[in-house]
Amino acid sequence: MAKVLVLGANGRLARHTTRWFLQHDDVHLTLYLRQAHRLHNPDVNRVTIIEGDVLDPGALHKAMQGQDVVYANLSGAMAQQARTIVDAIHASGLKRLIFISSMGIYGEVPGESYRGVLDPYRDSAAVIEASGLEYTVLRPRWFTHDPKVDYQITQKGEPFHGHDVSLNSLSDLIVRLALDPTLHVRCSIGVSQ
């Protein structure tokens, strides 16, 4: 059974992806968020909910015990959170991290200039990329509610192309990344439709 720790579990993408994970009988989820009362446990046999702050190294390290994969879906003090996550993963002996960032952090979206708004995402991606972990940084376009699973991937250094991407597509990719530890390892990938 794959054990996945979801950081920032109350975020829109994380909640959506939780449902996708639970379509697989061989997955156990630990949902980690600052205010646990905000989530209803969708399956008490396969889901554990933990209240905690990603910036609390002790609580985060404890939550990582026995996990196989860490999936981080965060906002706020991104670089500081990324450093805390990387340190806790190293201390826990884990290796696999899936980290949600944003399109445009490398100036890869033709015709767009996002300036300082993406600095936190760019800085956190740099922390992850220097970590030595088996990471995948996802840089999605804006989310849609299109029911289709249809996406394309661009690698770091390639111009970003395509349109906004569905939550279903992102959730499908995140689950695939979590269940296949060799998929897109040490890559920063753009995701669009």
Protein backbone atom coordinates (compact mmCIF):
# COMPACT_ATOMS: atom_id res chain seq x y z
CA MET A 1 0.00 0.00 0.00
CA ALA A 2 1.36 3.42 -0.99
CA LYS A 3 1.35 5.94 1.85
CA VAL A 4 1.03 9.55 0.73
CA LEU A 5 1.32 12.61 2.95
CA VAL A 6 -0.66 15.55 1.52
CA LEU A 7 0.57 18.93 2.78
CA GLY A 8 -1.90 21.78 2.44
CA ALA A 9 -4.70 19.23 2.25
CA ASN A 10 -7.52 21.78 2.31
CA GLY A 11 -6.43 23.50 -0.91
CA ARG A 12 -8.72 23.17 -3.93
CA LEU A 13 -6.30 21.01 -5.92
CA ALA A 14 -5.39 18.88 -2.90
CA ARG A 15 -9.05 18.19 -2.05
CA HIS A 16 -9.74 17.27 -5.66
CA THR A 17 -6.67 15.02 -5.82
CA THR A 18 -7.66 13.31 -2.56
CA ARG A 19 -10.76 11.97 -4.34
CA TRP A 20 -8.57 10.71 -7.20
CA PHE A 21 -6.20 8.96 -4.81
CA LEU A 22 -9.12 7.20 -3.12
CA GLN A 23 -10.11 5.61 -6.43
CA HIS A 24 -7.05 3.40 -5.88
CA ASP A 25 -7.51 0.72 -3.20
CA ASP A 26 -3.78 0.49 -2.58
CA VAL A 27 -3.35 4.07 -1.24
CA HIS A 28 -3.44 5.39 2.32
CA LEU A 29 -3.53 9.17 2.72
CA THR A 30 -2.42 11.39 5.57
CA LEU A 31 -4.00 14.81 5.14
CA TYR A 32 -1.99 17.55 6.87
CA LEU A 33 -3.44 21.02 7.34
CA ARG A 34 -3.46 23.88 9.82
CA GLN A 35 -7.14 23.58 10.76
CA ALA A 36 -8.20 19.95 10.70
CA HIS A 37 -11.84 20.77 11.44
CA ARG A 38 -12.09 22.18 7.91
CA LEU A 39 -11.97 18.69 6.38
CA HIS A 40 -14.36 15.79 6.65
CA ASN A 41 -12.65 12.40 6.59
CA PRO A 42 -13.78 10.74 3.34
CA ASP A 43 -12.66 7.22 4.38
CA VAL A 44 -11.72 6.54 8.01
CA ASN A 45 -10.07 3.25 7.01
CA ARG A 46 -7.71 4.84 4.49
CA VAL A 47 -7.36 8.47 5.51
CA THR A 48 -5.74 10.05 8.55
CA ILE A 49 -6.15 13.77 9.20
CA ILE A 50 -3.44 15.63 11.11
CA GLU A 51 -3.56 19.24 12.23
CA GLY A 52 -0.21 20.94 11.85
CA ASP A 53 1.75 23.74 10.27
CA VAL A 54 4.33 22.99 7.58
CA LEU A 55 6.61 25.52 9.29
CA ASP A 56 6.66 23.38 12.48
CA PRO A 57 9.64 21.06 11.84
CA GLY A 58 8.83 18.68 14.70
CA ALA A 59 5.20 18.17 13.72
CA LEU A 60 6.11 17.83 10.07
CA HIS A 61 8.86 15.28 10.76
CA LYS A 62 6.44 13.26 12.91
CA ALA A 63 3.78 13.30 10.14
CA MET A 64 6.34 11.97 7.64
CA GLN A 65 7.06 8.82 9.63
CA GLY A 66 6.06 5.74 7.63
CA GLN A 67 5.17 7.70 4.48
CA ASP A 68 6.34 6.85 0.96
CA VAL A 69 5.56 10.11 -0.86
CA VAL A 70 5.08 13.74 0.15
CA TYR A 71 2.73 15.81 -2.02
CA ALA A 72 2.88 19.55 -1.19
CA ASN A 73 0.19 21.93 -2.34
CA LEU A 74 0.93 25.19 -0.49
CA SER A 75 0.83 28.97 -0.58
CA GLY A 76 2.27 31.72 1.59
CA ALA A 77 5.91 31.63 2.72
CA MET A 78 6.81 29.21 -0.05
CA ALA A 79 10.62 29.20 0.19
CA GLN A 80 10.57 28.85 3.97
CA GLN A 81 8.01 26.04 3.69
CA ALA A 82 10.11 24.34 1.01
CA ARG A 83 13.20 24.45 3.25
CA THR A 84 11.25 22.98 6.19
CA ILE A 85 9.82 20.23 3.97
CA VAL A 86 13.22 19.34 2.49
CA ASP A 87 14.83 19.22 5.94
CA ALA A 88 12.02 17.04 7.33
CA ILE A 89 12.17 14.68 4.35
CA HIS A 90 15.92 14.28 4.76
CA ALA A 91 15.54 13.68 8.51
CA SER A 92 12.79 11.11 7.85
CA GLY A 93 14.77 9.17 5.25
CA LEU A 94 12.14 9.77 2.57
CA LYS A 95 13.07 10.64 -0.98
CA ARG A 96 9.96 11.34 -3.10
CA LEU A 97 8.41 14.82 -3.22
CA ILE A 98 5.73 16.19 -5.54
CA PHE A 99 5.63 19.98 -5.22
CA ILE A 100 3.07 22.29 -6.82
CA SER A 101 4.46 25.57 -8.11
CA SER A 102 3.24 27.86 -10.91
CA MET A 103 3.68 28.41 -14.59
CA GLY A 104 5.95 31.29 -15.49
CA ILE A 105 8.55 30.89 -12.73
CA TYR A 106 11.35 30.58 -15.30
CA GLY A 107 9.96 33.17 -17.74
CA GLU A 108 8.90 30.27 -19.95
CA VAL A 109 5.42 31.53 -20.90
CA PRO A 110 5.73 33.36 -24.24
CA GLY A 111 4.37 36.89 -24.16
CA GLU A 112 3.82 36.94 -20.37
CA SER A 113 5.72 38.78 -17.68
CA TYR A 114 4.58 37.96 -14.15
CA ARG A 115 7.31 39.92 -12.32
CA GLY A 116 7.49 39.67 -8.54
CA VAL A 117 4.21 37.82 -8.00
CA LEU A 118 5.96 34.55 -8.85
CA ASP A 119 9.08 35.14 -6.72
CA PRO A 120 7.83 32.90 -3.86
CA TYR A 121 7.16 30.06 -6.31
CA ARG A 122 10.49 30.55 -8.10
CA ASP A 123 12.39 30.63 -4.80
CA SER A 124 10.67 27.50 -3.47
CA ALA A 125 11.34 25.61 -6.71
CA ALA A 126 15.03 26.52 -6.41
CA VAL A 127 15.09 25.05 -2.88
CA ILE A 128 13.44 21.84 -4.11
CA GLU A 129 15.73 21.53 -7.13
CA ALA A 130 18.84 21.88 -4.94
CA SER A 131 17.58 19.35 -2.37
CA GLY A 132 18.99 16.13 -3.82
CA LEU A 133 15.52 14.56 -3.41
CA GLU A 134 13.60 12.57 -5.98
CA TYR A 135 11.32 15.53 -6.63
CA THR A 136 8.88 16.55 -9.31
CA VAL A 137 7.91 20.22 -9.43
CA LEU A 138 4.61 20.79 -11.26
CA ARG A 139 4.04 24.16 -12.93
CA PRO A 140 0.38 24.11 -14.03
CA ARG A 141 -1.58 26.62 -16.04
CA TRP A 142 -4.72 28.00 -14.37
CA PHE A 143 -7.25 25.35 -13.27
CA THR A 144 -10.53 24.60 -15.05
CA HIS A 145 -13.42 22.32 -14.16
CA ASP A 146 -13.43 20.61 -17.56
CA PRO A 147 -14.13 16.91 -16.84
CA LYS A 148 -11.63 15.69 -19.43
CA VAL A 149 -8.24 14.28 -18.54
CA ASP A 150 -6.15 15.82 -21.28
CA TYR A 151 -2.79 17.45 -20.69
CA GLN A 152 0.61 18.05 -22.19
CA ILE A 153 3.93 18.45 -20.45
CA THR A 154 6.82 20.81 -21.09
CA GLN A 155 10.19 20.44 -19.42
CA LYS A 156 12.13 23.18 -17.68
CA GLY A 157 13.88 25.28 -20.34
CA GLU A 158 11.18 24.68 -22.96
CA PRO A 159 8.65 27.40 -23.86
CA PHE A 160 5.33 26.80 -22.11
CA HIS A 161 2.49 26.08 -24.53
CA GLY A 162 -1.15 25.11 -24.37
CA HIS A 163 -4.11 26.38 -22.44
CA ASP A 164 -5.48 26.17 -18.91
CA VAL A 165 -5.63 22.65 -17.49
CA SER A 166 -8.43 20.77 -15.75
CA LEU A 167 -8.32 19.78 -12.10
CA ASN A 168 -9.01 16.23 -13.30
CA SER A 169 -5.90 16.32 -15.48
CA LEU A 170 -3.69 17.60 -12.67
CA SER A 171 -5.10 15.10 -10.18
CA ASP A 172 -4.52 12.27 -12.64
CA LEU A 173 -0.89 13.34 -13.10
CA ILE A 174 -0.26 13.77 -9.35
CA VAL A 175 -1.62 10.30 -8.59
CA ARG A 176 0.50 8.79 -11.39
CA LEU A 177 3.59 10.55 -10.02
CA ALA A 178 2.88 9.31 -6.49
CA LEU A 179 2.31 5.71 -7.56
CA ASP A 180 5.28 5.53 -9.96
CA PRO A 181 8.43 6.67 -8.12
CA THR A 182 10.40 6.75 -11.40
CA LEU A 183 8.07 9.09 -13.32
CA HIS A 184 9.50 12.59 -14.03
CA VAL A 185 12.06 12.33 -11.22
CA ARG A 186 14.19 15.46 -10.73
CA CYS A 187 12.07 17.33 -13.27
CA SER A 188 10.23 20.61 -13.23
CA ILE A 189 7.35 20.14 -15.63
CA GLY A 190 4.84 22.56 -17.05
CA VAL A 191 1.32 21.16 -17.33
CA SER A 192 -1.28 22.54 -19.73
CA GLN A 193 -4.02 21.36 -22.05
